[in-house]
Amino acid sequence: DARLKNLKLSNTQYLPTKTICIDLKQ
């Protein structure tokens, strides 16, 4: 969306890049 060009979109992940979800019922 070109309207977003004035917003600061983070290039860096401030949070961990992933959350691991494991099905413990297997």
mmCIF file of all heavy atoms, coordinates in Angstrom:
data_MODEL
# 
_entry.id   MODEL 
# 
loop_
_atom_site.group_PDB 
_atom_site.id 
_atom_site.type_symbol 
_atom_site.label_atom_id 
_atom_site.label_alt_id 
_atom_site.label_comp_id 
_atom_site.label_asym_id 
_atom_site.label_entity_id 
_atom_site.label_seq_id 
_atom_site.pdbx_PDB_ins_code 
_atom_site.Cartn_x 
_atom_site.Cartn_y 
_atom_site.Cartn_z 
_atom_site.occupancy 
_atom_site.B_iso_or_equiv 
_atom_site.pdbx_formal_charge 
_atom_site.auth_seq_id 
_atom_site.auth_comp_id 
_atom_site.auth_asym_id 
_atom_site.auth_atom_id 
_atom_site.pdbx_PDB_model_num 
ATOM 1   N N   . ASP A 1 1  ? 0.834  -1.198  0.000  1.00 0.00 ? 1  ASP A N   1 
ATOM 2   C CA  . ASP A 1 1  ? 0.000  0.000   0.000  1.00 0.00 ? 1  ASP A CA  1 
ATOM 3   C C   . ASP A 1 1  ? 0.873  1.254   0.000  1.00 0.00 ? 1  ASP A C   1 
ATOM 4   O O   . ASP A 1 1  ? 1.624  1.504   0.943  1.00 0.00 ? 1  ASP A O   1 
ATOM 5   C CB  . ASP A 1 1  ? -0.918 -0.016  1.232  1.00 0.00 ? 1  ASP A CB  1 
ATOM 6   C CG  . ASP A 1 1  ? -2.019 1.017   1.141  1.00 0.00 ? 1  ASP A CG  1 
ATOM 7   O OD1 . ASP A 1 1  ? -1.813 2.049   0.482  1.00 0.00 ? 1  ASP A OD1 1 
ATOM 8   O OD2 . ASP A 1 1  ? -3.071 0.789   1.751  1.00 0.00 ? 1  ASP A OD2 1 
ATOM 9   N N   . ALA A 1 2  ? 0.778  2.064   -1.028 1.00 0.00 ? 2  ALA A N   1 
ATOM 10  C CA  . ALA A 1 2  ? 1.599  3.275   -1.152 1.00 0.00 ? 2  ALA A CA  1 
ATOM 11  C C   . ALA A 1 2  ? 1.300  4.284   -0.042 1.00 0.00 ? 2  ALA A C   1 
ATOM 12  O O   . ALA A 1 2  ? 2.154  5.094   0.302  1.00 0.00 ? 2  ALA A O   1 
ATOM 13  C CB  . ALA A 1 2  ? 1.376  3.916   -2.515 1.00 0.00 ? 2  ALA A CB  1 
ATOM 14  N N   . ARG A 1 3  ? 0.092  4.224   0.546  1.00 0.00 ? 3  ARG A N   1 
ATOM 15  C CA  . ARG A 1 3  ? -0.249 5.169   1.621  1.00 0.00 ? 3  ARG A CA  1 
ATOM 16  C C   . ARG A 1 3  ? 0.608  4.950   2.856  1.00 0.00 ? 3  ARG A C   1 
ATOM 17  O O   . ARG A 1 3  ? 0.697  5.804   3.718  1.00 0.00 ? 3  ARG A O   1 
ATOM 18  C CB  . ARG A 1 3  ? -1.720 5.016   2.012  1.00 0.00 ? 3  ARG A CB  1 
ATOM 19  C CG  . ARG A 1 3  ? -2.693 5.322   0.895  1.00 0.00 ? 3  ARG A CG  1 
ATOM 20  C CD  . ARG A 1 3  ? -4.096 4.938   1.285  1.00 0.00 ? 3  ARG A CD  1 
ATOM 21  N NE  . ARG A 1 3  ? -4.147 3.532   1.660  1.00 0.00 ? 3  ARG A NE  1 
ATOM 22  C CZ  . ARG A 1 3  ? -5.084 2.986   2.410  1.00 0.00 ? 3  ARG A CZ  1 
ATOM 23  N NH1 . ARG A 1 3  ? -6.063 3.702   2.887  1.00 0.00 ? 3  ARG A NH1 1 
ATOM 24  N NH2 . ARG A 1 3  ? -5.067 1.710   2.697  1.00 0.00 ? 3  ARG A NH2 1 
ATOM 25  N N   . LEU A 1 4  ? 1.259  3.811   2.963  1.00 0.00 ? 4  LEU A N   1 
ATOM 26  C CA  . LEU A 1 4  ? 2.052  3.482   4.145  1.00 0.00 ? 4  LEU A CA  1 
ATOM 27  C C   . LEU A 1 4  ? 3.483  4.004   4.070  1.00 0.00 ? 4  LEU A C   1 
ATOM 28  O O   . LEU A 1 4  ? 4.253  3.831   4.994  1.00 0.00 ? 4  LEU A O   1 
ATOM 29  C CB  . LEU A 1 4  ? 2.075  1.967   4.354  1.00 0.00 ? 4  LEU A CB  1 
ATOM 30  C CG  . LEU A 1 4  ? 0.711  1.319   4.544  1.00 0.00 ? 4  LEU A CG  1 
ATOM 31  C CD1 . LEU A 1 4  ? 0.854  -0.181  4.627  1.00 0.00 ? 4  LEU A CD1 1 
ATOM 32  C CD2 . LEU A 1 4  ? 0.014  1.865   5.761  1.00 0.00 ? 4  LEU A CD2 1 
ATOM 33  N N   . LYS A 1 5  ? 3.826  4.671   2.992  1.00 0.00 ? 5  LYS A N   1 
ATOM 34  C CA  . LYS A 1 5  ? 5.216  5.083   2.811  1.00 0.00 ? 5  LYS A CA  1 
ATOM 35  C C   . LYS A 1 5  ? 5.686  6.053   3.888  1.00 0.00 ? 5  LYS A C   1 
ATOM 36  O O   . LYS A 1 5  ? 6.875  6.137   4.174  1.00 0.00 ? 5  LYS A O   1 
ATOM 37  C CB  . LYS A 1 5  ? 5.424  5.692   1.426  1.00 0.00 ? 5  LYS A CB  1 
ATOM 38  C CG  . LYS A 1 5  ? 4.672  6.993   1.202  1.00 0.00 ? 5  LYS A CG  1 
ATOM 39  C CD  . LYS A 1 5  ? 4.887  7.520   -0.198 1.00 0.00 ? 5  LYS A CD  1 
ATOM 40  C CE  . LYS A 1 5  ? 4.077  8.803   -0.357 1.00 0.00 ? 5  LYS A CE  1 
ATOM 41  N NZ  . LYS A 1 5  ? 4.058  9.288   -1.686 1.00 0.00 ? 5  LYS A NZ  1 
ATOM 42  N N   . ASN A 1 6  ? 4.774  6.777   4.533  1.00 0.00 ? 6  ASN A N   1 
ATOM 43  C CA  . ASN A 1 6  ? 5.171  7.722   5.574  1.00 0.00 ? 6  ASN A CA  1 
ATOM 44  C C   . ASN A 1 6  ? 5.218  7.100   6.971  1.00 0.00 ? 6  ASN A C   1 
ATOM 45  O O   . ASN A 1 6  ? 5.584  7.764   7.923  1.00 0.00 ? 6  ASN A O   1 
ATOM 46  C CB  . ASN A 1 6  ? 4.226  8.932   5.589  1.00 0.00 ? 6  ASN A CB  1 
ATOM 47  C CG  . ASN A 1 6  ? 4.348  9.744   4.321  1.00 0.00 ? 6  ASN A CG  1 
ATOM 48  O OD1 . ASN A 1 6  ? 5.430  9.822   3.737  1.00 0.00 ? 6  ASN A OD1 1 
ATOM 49  N ND2 . ASN A 1 6  ? 3.253  10.313  3.870  1.00 0.00 ? 6  ASN A ND2 1 
ATOM 50  N N   . LEU A 1 7  ? 4.823  5.856   7.068  1.00 0.00 ? 7  LEU A N   1 
ATOM 51  C CA  . LEU A 1 7  ? 4.896  5.170   8.352  1.00 0.00 ? 7  LEU A CA  1 
ATOM 52  C C   . LEU A 1 7  ? 6.223  4.444   8.462  1.00 0.00 ? 7  LEU A C   1 
ATOM 53  O O   . LEU A 1 7  ? 6.780  3.985   7.482  1.00 0.00 ? 7  LEU A O   1 
ATOM 54  C CB  . LEU A 1 7  ? 3.763  4.148   8.491  1.00 0.00 ? 7  LEU A CB  1 
ATOM 55  C CG  . LEU A 1 7  ? 2.359  4.715   8.600  1.00 0.00 ? 7  LEU A CG  1 
ATOM 56  C CD1 . LEU A 1 7  ? 1.364  3.572   8.638  1.00 0.00 ? 7  LEU A CD1 1 
ATOM 57  C CD2 . LEU A 1 7  ? 2.212  5.579   9.830  1.00 0.00 ? 7  LEU A CD2 1 
ATOM 58  N N   . LYS A 1 8  ? 6.692  4.338   9.686  1.00 0.00 ? 8  LYS A N   1 
ATOM 59  C CA  . LYS A 1 8  ? 7.932  3.611   9.905  1.00 0.00 ? 8  LYS A CA  1 
ATOM 60  C C   . LYS A 1 8  ? 7.601  2.138   10.071 1.00 0.00 ? 8  LYS A C   1 
ATOM 61  O O   . LYS A 1 8  ? 6.983  1.734   11.042 1.00 0.00 ? 8  LYS A O   1 
ATOM 62  C CB  . LYS A 1 8  ? 8.640  4.127   11.159 1.00 0.00 ? 8  LYS A CB  1 
ATOM 63  C CG  . LYS A 1 8  ? 9.927  3.407   11.466 1.00 0.00 ? 8  LYS A CG  1 
ATOM 64  C CD  . LYS A 1 8  ? 10.568 3.962   12.714 1.00 0.00 ? 8  LYS A CD  1 
ATOM 65  C CE  . LYS A 1 8  ? 11.840 3.194   13.026 1.00 0.00 ? 8  LYS A CE  1 
ATOM 66  N NZ  . LYS A 1 8  ? 12.381 3.596   14.311 1.00 0.00 ? 8  LYS A NZ  1 
ATOM 67  N N   . LEU A 1 9  ? 7.962  1.356   9.092  1.00 0.00 ? 9  LEU A N   1 
ATOM 68  C CA  . LEU A 1 9  ? 7.805  -0.080  9.189  1.00 0.00 ? 9  LEU A CA  1 
ATOM 69  C C   . LEU A 1 9  ? 9.158  -0.654  9.582  1.00 0.00 ? 9  LEU A C   1 
ATOM 70  O O   . LEU A 1 9  ? 10.166 -0.363  8.950  1.00 0.00 ? 9  LEU A O   1 
ATOM 71  C CB  . LEU A 1 9  ? 7.334  -0.675  7.861  1.00 0.00 ? 9  LEU A CB  1 
ATOM 72  C CG  . LEU A 1 9  ? 5.930  -0.269  7.431  1.00 0.00 ? 9  LEU A CG  1 
ATOM 73  C CD1 . LEU A 1 9  ? 5.635  -0.812  6.058  1.00 0.00 ? 9  LEU A CD1 1 
ATOM 74  C CD2 . LEU A 1 9  ? 4.902  -0.738  8.425  1.00 0.00 ? 9  LEU A CD2 1 
ATOM 75  N N   . SER A 1 10 ? 9.160  -1.423  10.617 1.00 0.00 ? 10 SER A N   1 
ATOM 76  C CA  . SER A 1 10 ? 10.409 -1.941  11.146 1.00 0.00 ? 10 SER A CA  1 
ATOM 77  C C   . SER A 1 10 ? 11.048 -2.924  10.167 1.00 0.00 ? 10 SER A C   1 
ATOM 78  O O   . SER A 1 10 ? 10.396 -3.819  9.650  1.00 0.00 ? 10 SER A O   1 
ATOM 79  C CB  . SER A 1 10 ? 10.140 -2.635  12.477 1.00 0.00 ? 10 SER A CB  1 
ATOM 80  O OG  . SER A 1 10 ? 11.321 -3.196  12.965 1.00 0.00 ? 10 SER A OG  1 
ATOM 81  N N   . ASN A 1 11 ? 12.333 -2.732  9.937  1.00 0.00 ? 11 ASN A N   1 
ATOM 82  C CA  . ASN A 1 11 ? 13.095 -3.683  9.132  1.00 0.00 ? 11 ASN A CA  1 
ATOM 83  C C   . ASN A 1 11 ? 13.635 -4.800  10.009 1.00 0.00 ? 11 ASN A C   1 
ATOM 84  O O   . ASN A 1 11 ? 14.090 -5.820  9.532  1.00 0.00 ? 11 ASN A O   1 
ATOM 85  C CB  . ASN A 1 11 ? 14.266 -2.986  8.437  1.00 0.00 ? 11 ASN A CB  1 
ATOM 86  C CG  . ASN A 1 11 ? 13.783 -2.007  7.400  1.00 0.00 ? 11 ASN A CG  1 
ATOM 87  O OD1 . ASN A 1 11 ? 12.757 -2.221  6.774  1.00 0.00 ? 11 ASN A OD1 1 
ATOM 88  N ND2 . ASN A 1 11 ? 14.510 -0.923  7.222  1.00 0.00 ? 11 ASN A ND2 1 
ATOM 89  N N   . THR A 1 12 ? 13.635 -4.564  11.313 1.00 0.00 ? 12 THR A N   1 
ATOM 90  C CA  . THR A 1 12 ? 14.182 -5.505  12.270 1.00 0.00 ? 12 THR A CA  1 
ATOM 91  C C   . THR A 1 12 ? 13.062 -6.073  13.115 1.00 0.00 ? 12 THR A C   1 
ATOM 92  O O   . THR A 1 12 ? 12.141 -5.356  13.468 1.00 0.00 ? 12 THR A O   1 
ATOM 93  C CB  . THR A 1 12 ? 15.161 -4.786  13.222 1.00 0.00 ? 12 THR A CB  1 
ATOM 94  O OG1 . THR A 1 12 ? 15.836 -3.765  12.542 1.00 0.00 ? 12 THR A OG1 1 
ATOM 95  C CG2 . THR A 1 12 ? 16.156 -5.746  13.801 1.00 0.00 ? 12 THR A CG2 1 
ATOM 96  N N   . GLN A 1 13 ? 13.175 -7.310  13.446 1.00 0.00 ? 13 GLN A N   1 
ATOM 97  C CA  . GLN A 1 13 ? 12.213 -7.914  14.347 1.00 0.00 ? 13 GLN A CA  1 
ATOM 98  C C   . GLN A 1 13 ? 12.645 -7.602  15.774 1.00 0.00 ? 13 GLN A C   1 
ATOM 99  O O   . GLN A 1 13 ? 13.709 -8.003  16.202 1.00 0.00 ? 13 GLN A O   1 
ATOM 100 C CB  . GLN A 1 13 ? 12.156 -9.427  14.131 1.00 0.00 ? 13 GLN A CB  1 
ATOM 101 C CG  . GLN A 1 13 ? 11.645 -9.827  12.772 1.00 0.00 ? 13 GLN A CG  1 
ATOM 102 C CD  . GLN A 1 13 ? 10.172 -9.522  12.592 1.00 0.00 ? 13 GLN A CD  1 
ATOM 103 O OE1 . GLN A 1 13 ? 9.386  -9.702  13.494 1.00 0.00 ? 13 GLN A OE1 1 
ATOM 104 N NE2 . GLN A 1 13 ? 9.816  -9.044  11.426 1.00 0.00 ? 13 GLN A NE2 1 
ATOM 105 N N   . TYR A 1 14 ? 11.835 -6.847  16.502 1.00 0.00 ? 14 TYR A N   1 
ATOM 106 C CA  . TYR A 1 14 ? 12.137 -6.555  17.905 1.00 0.00 ? 14 TYR A CA  1 
ATOM 107 C C   . TYR A 1 14 ? 11.834 -7.767  18.766 1.00 0.00 ? 14 TYR A C   1 
ATOM 108 O O   . TYR A 1 14 ? 12.348 -7.922  19.851 1.00 0.00 ? 14 TYR A O   1 
ATOM 109 C CB  . TYR A 1 14 ? 11.300 -5.375  18.409 1.00 0.00 ? 14 TYR A CB  1 
ATOM 110 C CG  . TYR A 1 14 ? 11.659 -4.069  17.749 1.00 0.00 ? 14 TYR A CG  1 
ATOM 111 C CD1 . TYR A 1 14 ? 10.694 -3.336  17.081 1.00 0.00 ? 14 TYR A CD1 1 
ATOM 112 C CD2 . TYR A 1 14 ? 12.948 -3.579  17.786 1.00 0.00 ? 14 TYR A CD2 1 
ATOM 113 C CE1 . TYR A 1 14 ? 11.010 -2.140  16.469 1.00 0.00 ? 14 TYR A CE1 1 
ATOM 114 C CE2 . TYR A 1 14 ? 13.276 -2.389  17.164 1.00 0.00 ? 14 TYR A CE2 1 
ATOM 115 C CZ  . TYR A 1 14 ? 12.301 -1.668  16.522 1.00 0.00 ? 14 TYR A CZ  1 
ATOM 116 O OH  . TYR A 1 14 ? 12.619 -0.492  15.919 1.00 0.00 ? 14 TYR A OH  1 
ATOM 117 N N   . LEU A 1 15 ? 10.969 -8.604  18.281 1.00 0.00 ? 15 LEU A N   1 
ATOM 118 C CA  . LEU A 1 15 ? 10.551 -9.790  19.011 1.00 0.00 ? 15 LEU A CA  1 
ATOM 119 C C   . LEU A 1 15 ? 11.258 -10.996 18.404 1.00 0.00 ? 15 LEU A C   1 
ATOM 120 O O   . LEU A 1 15 ? 11.746 -10.936 17.295 1.00 0.00 ? 15 LEU A O   1 
ATOM 121 C CB  . LEU A 1 15 ? 9.032  -9.972  18.858 1.00 0.00 ? 15 LEU A CB  1 
ATOM 122 C CG  . LEU A 1 15 ? 8.184  -8.811  19.341 1.00 0.00 ? 15 LEU A CG  1 
ATOM 123 C CD1 . LEU A 1 15 ? 6.752  -8.974  18.881 1.00 0.00 ? 15 LEU A CD1 1 
ATOM 124 C CD2 . LEU A 1 15 ? 8.240  -8.722  20.846 1.00 0.00 ? 15 LEU A CD2 1 
ATOM 125 N N   . PRO A 1 16 ? 11.281 -12.100 19.143 1.00 0.00 ? 16 PRO A N   1 
ATOM 126 C CA  . PRO A 1 16 ? 11.834 -13.313 18.535 1.00 0.00 ? 16 PRO A CA  1 
ATOM 127 C C   . PRO A 1 16 ? 11.132 -13.585 17.205 1.00 0.00 ? 16 PRO A C   1 
ATOM 128 O O   . PRO A 1 16 ? 9.944  -13.328 17.062 1.00 0.00 ? 16 PRO A O   1 
ATOM 129 C CB  . PRO A 1 16 ? 11.505 -14.403 19.560 1.00 0.00 ? 16 PRO A CB  1 
ATOM 130 C CG  . PRO A 1 16 ? 11.364 -13.668 20.856 1.00 0.00 ? 16 PRO A CG  1 
ATOM 131 C CD  . PRO A 1 16 ? 10.819 -12.311 20.501 1.00 0.00 ? 16 PRO A CD  1 
ATOM 132 N N   . THR A 1 17 ? 11.882 -14.099 16.250 1.00 0.00 ? 17 THR A N   1 
ATOM 133 C CA  . THR A 1 17 ? 11.337 -14.255 14.905 1.00 0.00 ? 17 THR A CA  1 
ATOM 134 C C   . THR A 1 17 ? 10.329 -15.376 14.765 1.00 0.00 ? 17 THR A C   1 
ATOM 135 O O   . THR A 1 17 ? 9.638  -15.458 13.773 1.00 0.00 ? 17 THR A O   1 
ATOM 136 C CB  . THR A 1 17 ? 12.465 -14.481 13.891 1.00 0.00 ? 17 THR A CB  1 
ATOM 137 O OG1 . THR A 1 17 ? 13.214 -15.625 14.311 1.00 0.00 ? 17 THR A OG1 1 
ATOM 138 C CG2 . THR A 1 17 ? 13.358 -13.272 13.783 1.00 0.00 ? 17 THR A CG2 1 
ATOM 139 N N   . LYS A 1 18 ? 10.262 -16.257 15.742 1.00 0.00 ? 18 LYS A N   1 
ATOM 140 C CA  . LYS A 1 18 ? 9.256  -17.299 15.633 1.00 0.00 ? 18 LYS A CA  1 
ATOM 141 C C   . LYS A 1 18 ? 8.887  -17.811 17.019 1.00 0.00 ? 18 LYS A C   1 
ATOM 142 O O   . LYS A 1 18 ? 9.647  -17.708 17.958 1.00 0.00 ? 18 LYS A O   1 
ATOM 143 C CB  . LYS A 1 18 ? 9.724  -18.451 14.760 1.00 0.00 ? 18 LYS A CB  1 
ATOM 144 C CG  . LYS A 1 18 ? 10.962 -19.179 15.256 1.00 0.00 ? 18 LYS A CG  1 
ATOM 145 C CD  . LYS A 1 18 ? 11.351 -20.242 14.271 1.00 0.00 ? 18 LYS A CD  1 
ATOM 146 C CE  . LYS A 1 18 ? 12.728 -20.796 14.612 1.00 0.00 ? 18 LYS A CE  1 
ATOM 147 N NZ  . LYS A 1 18 ? 13.162 -21.813 13.700 1.00 0.00 ? 18 LYS A NZ  1 
ATOM 148 N N   . THR A 1 19 ? 7.715  -18.340 17.076 1.00 0.00 ? 19 THR A N   1 
ATOM 149 C CA  . THR A 1 19 ? 7.239  -19.034 18.258 1.00 0.00 ? 19 THR A CA  1 
ATOM 150 C C   . THR A 1 19 ? 7.059  -20.476 17.852 1.00 0.00 ? 19 THR A C   1 
ATOM 151 O O   . THR A 1 19 ? 6.505  -20.762 16.801 1.00 0.00 ? 19 THR A O   1 
ATOM 152 C CB  . THR A 1 19 ? 5.894  -18.441 18.730 1.00 0.00 ? 19 THR A CB  1 
ATOM 153 O OG1 . THR A 1 19 ? 6.092  -17.060 19.025 1.00 0.00 ? 19 THR A OG1 1 
ATOM 154 C CG2 . THR A 1 19 ? 5.370  -19.166 19.947 1.00 0.00 ? 19 THR A CG2 1 
ATOM 155 N N   . ILE A 1 20 ? 7.552  -21.375 18.664 1.00 0.00 ? 20 ILE A N   1 
ATOM 156 C CA  . ILE A 1 20 ? 7.461  -22.778 18.333 1.00 0.00 ? 20 ILE A CA  1 
ATOM 157 C C   . ILE A 1 20 ? 6.252  -23.368 19.036 1.00 0.00 ? 20 ILE A C   1 
ATOM 158 O O   . ILE A 1 20 ? 6.136  -23.284 20.257 1.00 0.00 ? 20 ILE A O   1 
ATOM 159 C CB  . ILE A 1 20 ? 8.739  -23.527 18.757 1.00 0.00 ? 20 ILE A CB  1 
ATOM 160 C CG1 . ILE A 1 20 ? 9.952  -22.931 18.040 1.00 0.00 ? 20 ILE A CG1 1 
ATOM 161 C CG2 . ILE A 1 20 ? 8.606  -25.023 18.486 1.00 0.00 ? 20 ILE A CG2 1 
ATOM 162 C CD1 . ILE A 1 20 ? 11.275 -23.449 18.537 1.00 0.00 ? 20 ILE A CD1 1 
ATOM 163 N N   . CYS A 1 21 ? 5.340  -23.918 18.261 1.00 0.00 ? 21 CYS A N   1 
ATOM 164 C CA  . CYS A 1 21 ? 4.167  -24.602 18.802 1.00 0.00 ? 21 CYS A CA  1 
ATOM 165 C C   . CYS A 1 21 ? 4.328  -26.079 18.499 1.00 0.00 ? 21 CYS A C   1 
ATOM 166 O O   . CYS A 1 21 ? 4.538  -26.461 17.352 1.00 0.00 ? 21 CYS A O   1 
ATOM 167 C CB  . CYS A 1 21 ? 2.888  -24.062 18.170 1.00 0.00 ? 21 CYS A CB  1 
ATOM 168 S SG  . CYS A 1 21 ? 2.587  -22.339 18.557 1.00 0.00 ? 21 CYS A SG  1 
ATOM 169 N N   . ILE A 1 22 ? 4.234  -26.882 19.534 1.00 0.00 ? 22 ILE A N   1 
ATOM 170 C CA  . ILE A 1 22 ? 4.420  -28.318 19.380 1.00 0.00 ? 22 ILE A CA  1 
ATOM 171 C C   . ILE A 1 22 ? 3.170  -29.029 19.868 1.00 0.00 ? 22 ILE A C   1 
ATOM 172 O O   . ILE A 1 22 ? 2.686  -28.753 20.969 1.00 0.00 ? 22 ILE A O   1 
ATOM 173 C CB  . ILE A 1 22 ? 5.644  -28.799 20.199 1.00 0.00 ? 22 ILE A CB  1 
ATOM 174 C CG1 . ILE A 1 22 ? 6.914  -28.091 19.740 1.00 0.00 ? 22 ILE A CG1 1 
ATOM 175 C CG2 . ILE A 1 22 ? 5.802  -30.311 20.097 1.00 0.00 ? 22 ILE A CG2 1 
ATOM 176 C CD1 . ILE A 1 22 ? 8.116  -28.352 20.614 1.00 0.00 ? 22 ILE A CD1 1 
ATOM 177 N N   . ASP A 1 23 ? 2.667  -29.949 19.066 1.00 0.00 ? 23 ASP A N   1 
ATOM 178 C CA  . ASP A 1 23 ? 1.525  -30.763 19.466 1.00 0.00 ? 23 ASP A CA  1 
ATOM 179 C C   . ASP A 1 23 ? 2.028  -31.852 20.396 1.00 0.00 ? 23 ASP A C   1 
ATOM 180 O O   . ASP A 1 23 ? 2.665  -32.813 19.977 1.00 0.00 ? 23 ASP A O   1 
ATOM 181 C CB  . ASP A 1 23 ? 0.857  -31.377 18.237 1.00 0.00 ? 23 ASP A CB  1 
ATOM 182 C CG  . ASP A 1 23 ? -0.298 -32.299 18.593 1.00 0.00 ? 23 ASP A CG  1 
ATOM 183 O OD1 . ASP A 1 23 ? -0.696 -32.351 19.787 1.00 0.00 ? 23 ASP A OD1 1 
ATOM 184 O OD2 . ASP A 1 23 ? -0.810 -32.967 17.683 1.00 0.00 ? 23 ASP A OD2 1 
ATOM 185 N N   . LEU A 1 24 ? 1.762  -31.706 21.690 1.00 0.00 ? 24 LEU A N   1 
ATOM 186 C CA  . LEU A 1 24 ? 2.254  -32.644 22.685 1.00 0.00 ? 24 LEU A CA  1 
ATOM 187 C C   . LEU A 1 24 ? 1.392  -33.899 22.789 1.00 0.00 ? 24 LEU A C   1 
ATOM 188 O O   . LEU A 1 24 ? 1.698  -34.789 23.569 1.00 0.00 ? 24 LEU A O   1 
ATOM 189 C CB  . LEU A 1 24 ? 2.359  -31.958 24.052 1.00 0.00 ? 24 LEU A CB  1 
ATOM 190 C CG  . LEU A 1 24 ? 3.348  -30.799 24.108 1.00 0.00 ? 24 LEU A CG  1 
ATOM 191 C CD1 . LEU A 1 24 ? 3.321  -30.147 25.476 1.00 0.00 ? 24 LEU A CD1 1 
ATOM 192 C CD2 . LEU A 1 24 ? 4.756  -31.260 23.752 1.00 0.00 ? 24 LEU A CD2 1 
ATOM 193 N N   . LYS A 1 25 ? 0.340  -33.973 21.995 1.00 0.00 ? 25 LYS A N   1 
ATOM 194 C CA  . LYS A 1 25 ? -0.537 -35.152 22.015 1.00 0.00 ? 25 LYS A CA  1 
ATOM 195 C C   . LYS A 1 25 ? -0.022 -36.263 21.103 1.00 0.00 ? 25 LYS A C   1 
ATOM 196 O O   . LYS A 1 25 ? -0.503 -37.388 21.178 1.00 0.00 ? 25 LYS A O   1 
ATOM 197 C CB  . LYS A 1 25 ? -1.959 -34.752 21.621 1.00 0.00 ? 25 LYS A CB  1 
ATOM 198 C CG  . LYS A 1 25 ? -2.603 -33.847 22.652 1.00 0.00 ? 25 LYS A CG  1 
ATOM 199 C CD  . LYS A 1 25 ? -3.967 -33.386 22.196 1.00 0.00 ? 25 LYS A CD  1 
ATOM 200 C CE  . LYS A 1 25 ? -4.523 -32.396 23.204 1.00 0.00 ? 25 LYS A CE  1 
ATOM 201 N NZ  . LYS A 1 25 ? -5.681 -31.698 22.699 1.00 0.00 ? 25 LYS A NZ  1 
ATOM 202 N N   . GLN A 1 26 ? 0.947  -35.958 20.253 1.00 0.00 ? 26 GLN A N   1 
ATOM 203 C CA  . GLN A 1 26 ? 1.469  -36.978 19.353 1.00 0.00 ? 26 GLN A CA  1 
ATOM 204 C C   . GLN A 1 26 ? 2.342  -37.973 20.135 1.00 0.00 ? 26 GLN A C   1 
ATOM 205 O O   . GLN A 1 26 ? 2.807  -37.668 21.232 1.00 0.00 ? 26 GLN A O   1 
ATOM 206 C CB  . GLN A 1 26 ? 2.237  -36.336 18.205 1.00 0.00 ? 26 GLN A CB  1 
ATOM 207 C CG  . GLN A 1 26 ? 3.442  -35.501 18.619 1.00 0.00 ? 26 GLN A CG  1 
ATOM 208 C CD  . GLN A 1 26 ? 4.073  -34.794 17.437 1.00 0.00 ? 26 GLN A CD  1 
ATOM 209 O OE1 . GLN A 1 26 ? 4.175  -35.346 16.358 1.00 0.00 ? 26 GLN A OE1 1 
ATOM 210 N NE2 . GLN A 1 26 ? 4.508  -33.571 17.656 1.00 0.00 ? 26 GLN A NE2 1 
# 
